[in-house]
Each structure stands twice: as structure tokens, then as C-alpha cells.
């Protein structure tokens, strides 16, 4: 989609690929771009419907088992962010170079955390659903501060 938009609006971009902010011309969208936008919107809608449906089914199962739900307060946006510190792994790795020598290096630890899985599973949405359903049947939803 980005490629299609760039081809349709060559004057809206600088040489390095960034958007030219001084250009105030209206954006032009090709028919295929508009069609792909509609498809993407539909896919997001289906994903949301699937997540909500699965959350509701799981909440119904949980409510048949229990009526008291102590839940830890969580900051899910903090889990989405990358780790701040750049650290090296404790394990050393041997790398064979083209000339046949072996070099010992210490790789960096990954800074990636839980962004994609939080996007796929929507835990905050699940907790909202659980709270709504628990209170509707007379159960208790208690947020516990673990700090």
C-alpha cells in the first residue's frame, strides 16, 4: 500500500523517502489503494470480532467456575515498549570467518518485548470483559496492587 501511495504522489516525498511537509497538494489515491484500504479495514474488523468473541467465551467459562476474581494491576503499554538498556549476553559465541579463523564475540540481548503478543491477545480488553461479566452475575472483580 505504501508503494502504491508513493507512486501516485511522487511530489509529496523528499529524495531520502521522507514526506515533504512543505507540499500542500491533496493526496491522490489509486483505485487499487482504496480497495486495499477497505480490505485492511475489514481484516482489522474481523480480528477485533474474533478477539472479543474468544474473550467472552473464556469469561463465561471462568464465571461458571468462580465468582471472585483478584486481578493484578498491569500497565500493558509498558510491556509493549522496548527495553531501554542495551546489554550483552553472558554467553560467548564463536563465529567462523571467511578466511577460516574463529572469532569469539559476545552478542547483544534483544530489546524486543511483548508488543506483538499484546496486540494479538488484547489482555486489557479481556479484563474489561471479565469485570463487566463478573459484576453482572453478582461476582467480585478486585484489582490488587502488587507493588
C-alpha atoms as a PDB file:
ATOM      1  CA  UNK A   1       0.000   0.000   0.000  1.00  0.00           C
ATOM      2  CA  UNK A   2       2.838   2.374   0.815  1.00  0.00           C
ATOM      3  CA  UNK A   3       4.412   1.659  -2.558  1.00  0.00           C
ATOM      4  CA  UNK A   4       1.145   2.438  -4.333  1.00  0.00           C
ATOM      5  CA  UNK A   5       0.750   5.712  -2.426  1.00  0.00           C
ATOM      6  CA  UNK A   6       4.332   6.741  -3.222  1.00  0.00           C
ATOM      7  CA  UNK A   7       3.866   6.043  -6.937  1.00  0.00           C
ATOM      8  CA  UNK A   8       0.622   8.058  -7.013  1.00  0.00           C
ATOM      9  CA  UNK A   9       2.198  11.031  -5.156  1.00  0.00           C
ATOM     10  CA  UNK A  10       5.856  11.393  -6.203  1.00  0.00           C
ATOM     11  CA  UNK A  11       5.934  15.142  -5.421  1.00  0.00           C
ATOM     12  CA  UNK A  12       4.865  14.520  -1.784  1.00  0.00           C
ATOM     13  CA  UNK A  13       8.175  12.810  -0.885  1.00  0.00           C
ATOM     14  CA  UNK A  14      11.753  14.038  -0.489  1.00  0.00           C
ATOM     15  CA  UNK A  15      14.759  12.342  -2.104  1.00  0.00           C
ATOM     16  CA  UNK A  16      15.509  10.393   1.098  1.00  0.00           C
ATOM     17  CA  UNK A  17      11.965   8.958   1.186  1.00  0.00           C
ATOM     18  CA  UNK A  18      10.557  11.155   3.955  1.00  0.00           C
ATOM     19  CA  UNK A  19       7.311  13.083   3.494  1.00  0.00           C
ATOM     20  CA  UNK A  20       7.711  16.601   2.122  1.00  0.00           C
ATOM     21  CA  UNK A  21       5.932  18.783   4.680  1.00  0.00           C
ATOM     22  CA  UNK A  22       6.060  21.939   2.544  1.00  0.00           C
ATOM     23  CA  UNK A  23       3.909  20.378  -0.187  1.00  0.00           C
ATOM     24  CA  UNK A  24       0.235  21.179   0.486  1.00  0.00           C
ATOM     25  CA  UNK A  25      -1.255  19.464  -2.589  1.00  0.00           C
ATOM     26  CA  UNK A  26      -4.077  17.000  -1.848  1.00  0.00           C
ATOM     27  CA  UNK A  27      -3.111  13.330  -1.709  1.00  0.00           C
ATOM     28  CA  UNK A  28      -4.091  11.190  -4.694  1.00  0.00           C
ATOM     29  CA  UNK A  29      -5.217   7.612  -4.078  1.00  0.00           C
ATOM     30  CA  UNK A  30      -5.433   4.997  -6.804  1.00  0.00           C
ATOM     31  CA  UNK A  31      -8.442   2.718  -7.063  1.00  0.00           C
ATOM     32  CA  UNK A  32      -6.316  -0.247  -6.042  1.00  0.00           C
ATOM     33  CA  UNK A  33      -5.048   1.658  -2.974  1.00  0.00           C
ATOM     34  CA  UNK A  34      -8.600   2.474  -1.882  1.00  0.00           C
ATOM     35  CA  UNK A  35      -9.592  -1.165  -2.424  1.00  0.00           C
ATOM     36  CA  UNK A  36      -6.658  -2.371  -0.321  1.00  0.00           C
ATOM     37  CA  UNK A  37      -7.542   0.130   2.440  1.00  0.00           C
ATOM     38  CA  UNK A  38     -11.062  -1.280   2.557  1.00  0.00           C
ATOM     39  CA  UNK A  39      -9.673  -4.828   2.702  1.00  0.00           C
ATOM     40  CA  UNK A  40      -7.276  -3.917   5.526  1.00  0.00           C
ATOM     41  CA  UNK A  41     -10.087  -2.245   7.470  1.00  0.00           C
ATOM     42  CA  UNK A  42     -12.214  -5.350   7.038  1.00  0.00           C
ATOM     43  CA  UNK A  43      -9.360  -7.569   8.275  1.00  0.00           C
ATOM     44  CA  UNK A  44      -8.922  -5.436  11.390  1.00  0.00           C
ATOM     45  CA  UNK A  45     -12.681  -5.580  11.993  1.00  0.00           C
ATOM     46  CA  UNK A  46     -12.659  -9.405  11.728  1.00  0.00           C
ATOM     47  CA  UNK A  47      -9.651  -9.634  14.038  1.00  0.00           C
ATOM     48  CA  UNK A  48     -11.404  -7.469  16.635  1.00  0.00           C
ATOM     49  CA  UNK A  49     -14.590  -9.546  16.382  1.00  0.00           C
ATOM     50  CA  UNK A  50     -12.599 -12.772  16.830  1.00  0.00           C
ATOM     51  CA  UNK A  51     -10.764 -11.402  19.892  1.00  0.00           C
ATOM     52  CA  UNK A  52     -13.972 -10.150  21.541  1.00  0.00           C
ATOM     53  CA  UNK A  53     -15.750 -13.440  20.848  1.00  0.00           C
ATOM     54  CA  UNK A  54     -12.928 -15.530  22.309  1.00  0.00           C
ATOM     55  CA  UNK A  55     -12.712 -13.250  25.373  1.00  0.00           C
ATOM     56  CA  UNK A  56     -16.439 -13.567  26.010  1.00  0.00           C
ATOM     57  CA  UNK A  57     -16.321 -17.366  25.729  1.00  0.00           C
ATOM     58  CA  UNK A  58     -13.395 -17.556  28.155  1.00  0.00           C
ATOM     59  CA  UNK A  59     -15.116 -15.190  30.612  1.00  0.00           C
ATOM     60  CA  UNK A  60     -18.242 -17.345  30.525  1.00  0.00           C
ATOM     61  CA  UNK A  61     -16.165 -20.434  31.343  1.00  0.00           C
ATOM     62  CA  UNK A  62     -14.423 -18.641  34.202  1.00  0.00           C
ATOM     63  CA  UNK A  63     -17.694 -17.382  35.682  1.00  0.00           C
ATOM     64  CA  UNK A  64     -19.107 -20.918  35.770  1.00  0.00           C
ATOM     65  CA  UNK A  65     -16.065 -21.953  37.845  1.00  0.00           C
ATOM     66  CA  UNK A  66     -15.667 -18.986  40.232  1.00  0.00           C
ATOM     67  CA  UNK A  67     -17.253 -15.720  41.339  1.00  0.00           C
ATOM     68  CA  UNK A  68     -14.225 -13.979  42.888  1.00  0.00           C
ATOM     69  CA  UNK A  69     -11.501 -12.643  40.602  1.00  0.00           C
ATOM     70  CA  UNK A  70      -8.459 -10.954  42.185  1.00  0.00           C
ATOM     71  CA  UNK A  71      -6.563  -9.327  39.305  1.00  0.00           C
ATOM     72  CA  UNK A  72      -3.117  -7.736  39.375  1.00  0.00           C
ATOM     73  CA  UNK A  73      -2.935  -4.141  38.147  1.00  0.00           C
ATOM     74  CA  UNK A  74      -0.862  -4.149  34.977  1.00  0.00           C
ATOM     75  CA  UNK A  75       0.430  -1.455  32.649  1.00  0.00           C
ATOM     76  CA  UNK A  76       0.189  -3.176  29.278  1.00  0.00           C
ATOM     77  CA  UNK A  77       1.572  -0.203  27.355  1.00  0.00           C
ATOM     78  CA  UNK A  78       4.784  -0.515  29.365  1.00  0.00           C
ATOM     79  CA  UNK A  79       5.084  -4.153  28.271  1.00  0.00           C
ATOM     80  CA  UNK A  80       4.724  -3.135  24.618  1.00  0.00           C
ATOM     81  CA  UNK A  81       7.722  -0.820  24.736  1.00  0.00           C
ATOM     82  CA  UNK A  82      11.240  -1.940  24.024  1.00  0.00           C
ATOM     83  CA  UNK A  83      13.740  -2.439  26.817  1.00  0.00           C
ATOM     84  CA  UNK A  84      15.715   0.741  27.498  1.00  0.00           C
ATOM     85  CA  UNK A  85      19.141  -0.678  28.292  1.00  0.00           C
ATOM     86  CA  UNK A  86      21.312  -2.324  25.677  1.00  0.00           C
ATOM     87  CA  UNK A  87      23.002  -5.313  27.327  1.00  0.00           C
ATOM     88  CA  UNK A  88      25.313  -8.035  26.086  1.00  0.00           C
ATOM     89  CA  UNK A  89      24.659 -11.746  26.508  1.00  0.00           C
ATOM     90  CA  UNK A  90      26.716 -13.582  29.115  1.00  0.00           C
ATOM     91  CA  UNK A  91      27.376 -16.467  26.712  1.00  0.00           C
ATOM     92  CA  UNK A  92      30.195 -16.042  24.195  1.00  0.00           C
ATOM     93  CA  UNK A  93      29.707 -17.253  20.625  1.00  0.00           C
ATOM     94  CA  UNK A  94      32.316 -18.498  18.178  1.00  0.00           C
ATOM     95  CA  UNK A  95      31.970 -17.153  14.630  1.00  0.00           C
ATOM     96  CA  UNK A  96      33.863 -18.685  11.728  1.00  0.00           C
ATOM     97  CA  UNK A  97      35.112 -16.019   9.323  1.00  0.00           C
ATOM     98  CA  UNK A  98      35.669 -16.369   5.563  1.00  0.00           C
ATOM     99  CA  UNK A  99      39.428 -16.782   5.906  1.00  0.00           C
ATOM    100  CA  UNK A 100      38.933 -19.767   8.260  1.00  0.00           C
ATOM    101  CA  UNK A 101      39.795 -18.125  11.564  1.00  0.00           C
ATOM    102  CA  UNK A 102      37.451 -18.379  14.517  1.00  0.00           C
ATOM    103  CA  UNK A 103      36.469 -15.181  16.316  1.00  0.00           C
ATOM    104  CA  UNK A 104      34.840 -15.145  19.756  1.00  0.00           C
ATOM    105  CA  UNK A 105      32.119 -12.498  20.099  1.00  0.00           C
ATOM    106  CA  UNK A 106      29.588 -11.514  22.728  1.00  0.00           C
ATOM    107  CA  UNK A 107      26.178 -10.823  21.166  1.00  0.00           C
ATOM    108  CA  UNK A 108      23.651  -8.226  22.341  1.00  0.00           C
ATOM    109  CA  UNK A 109      20.484  -9.206  24.169  1.00  0.00           C
ATOM    110  CA  UNK A 110      17.259  -8.495  22.319  1.00  0.00           C
ATOM    111  CA  UNK A 111      15.351  -5.386  23.345  1.00  0.00           C
ATOM    112  CA  UNK A 112      12.067  -6.667  21.918  1.00  0.00           C
ATOM    113  CA  UNK A 113       9.360  -7.422  24.464  1.00  0.00           C
ATOM    114  CA  UNK A 114       5.648  -8.209  24.215  1.00  0.00           C
ATOM    115  CA  UNK A 115       4.272  -5.792  21.620  1.00  0.00           C
ATOM    116  CA  UNK A 116       3.003  -8.307  19.094  1.00  0.00           C
ATOM    117  CA  UNK A 117       1.515 -10.755  21.586  1.00  0.00           C
ATOM    118  CA  UNK A 118      -0.293  -7.938  23.418  1.00  0.00           C
ATOM    119  CA  UNK A 119      -1.670  -6.785  20.069  1.00  0.00           C
ATOM    120  CA  UNK A 120      -2.867 -10.297  19.225  1.00  0.00           C
ATOM    121  CA  UNK A 121      -4.329 -11.193  22.613  1.00  0.00           C
ATOM    122  CA  UNK A 122      -5.638  -7.846  23.954  1.00  0.00           C
ATOM    123  CA  UNK A 123      -5.311  -8.560  27.706  1.00  0.00           C
ATOM    124  CA  UNK A 124      -6.756  -5.205  28.815  1.00  0.00           C
ATOM    125  CA  UNK A 125      -9.864  -5.883  26.728  1.00  0.00           C
ATOM    126  CA  UNK A 126     -10.164  -9.300  28.377  1.00  0.00           C
ATOM    127  CA  UNK A 127     -10.027  -7.755  31.860  1.00  0.00           C
ATOM    128  CA  UNK A 128     -12.730  -5.222  30.941  1.00  0.00           C
ATOM    129  CA  UNK A 129     -14.934  -8.046  29.701  1.00  0.00           C
ATOM    130  CA  UNK A 130     -14.266 -10.121  32.831  1.00  0.00           C
ATOM    131  CA  UNK A 131     -15.105  -7.169  35.095  1.00  0.00           C
ATOM    132  CA  UNK A 132     -18.340  -6.472  33.221  1.00  0.00           C
ATOM    133  CA  UNK A 133     -19.491 -10.091  33.290  1.00  0.00           C
ATOM    134  CA  UNK A 134     -18.444 -10.732  36.913  1.00  0.00           C
ATOM    135  CA  UNK A 135     -20.356  -7.689  38.159  1.00  0.00           C
ATOM    136  CA  UNK A 136     -23.389  -8.618  36.031  1.00  0.00           C
ATOM    137  CA  UNK A 137     -23.738 -12.018  37.762  1.00  0.00           C
ATOM    138  CA  UNK A 138     -23.001 -10.665  41.252  1.00  0.00           C
ATOM    139  CA  UNK A 139     -19.356 -11.733  41.385  1.00  0.00           C
ATOM    140  CA  UNK A 140     -16.407  -9.763  42.699  1.00  0.00           C
ATOM    141  CA  UNK A 141     -13.697  -8.287  40.481  1.00  0.00           C
ATOM    142  CA  UNK A 142     -10.879  -6.931  42.660  1.00  0.00           C
ATOM    143  CA  UNK A 143      -7.801  -5.160  41.325  1.00  0.00           C
ATOM    144  CA  UNK A 144      -4.844  -5.944  43.577  1.00  0.00           C
ATOM    145  CA  UNK A 145      -1.833  -3.640  43.732  1.00  0.00           C
ATOM    146  CA  UNK A 146       1.280  -5.836  43.957  1.00  0.00           C
ATOM    147  CA  UNK A 147       3.788  -3.032  44.429  1.00  0.00           C
END
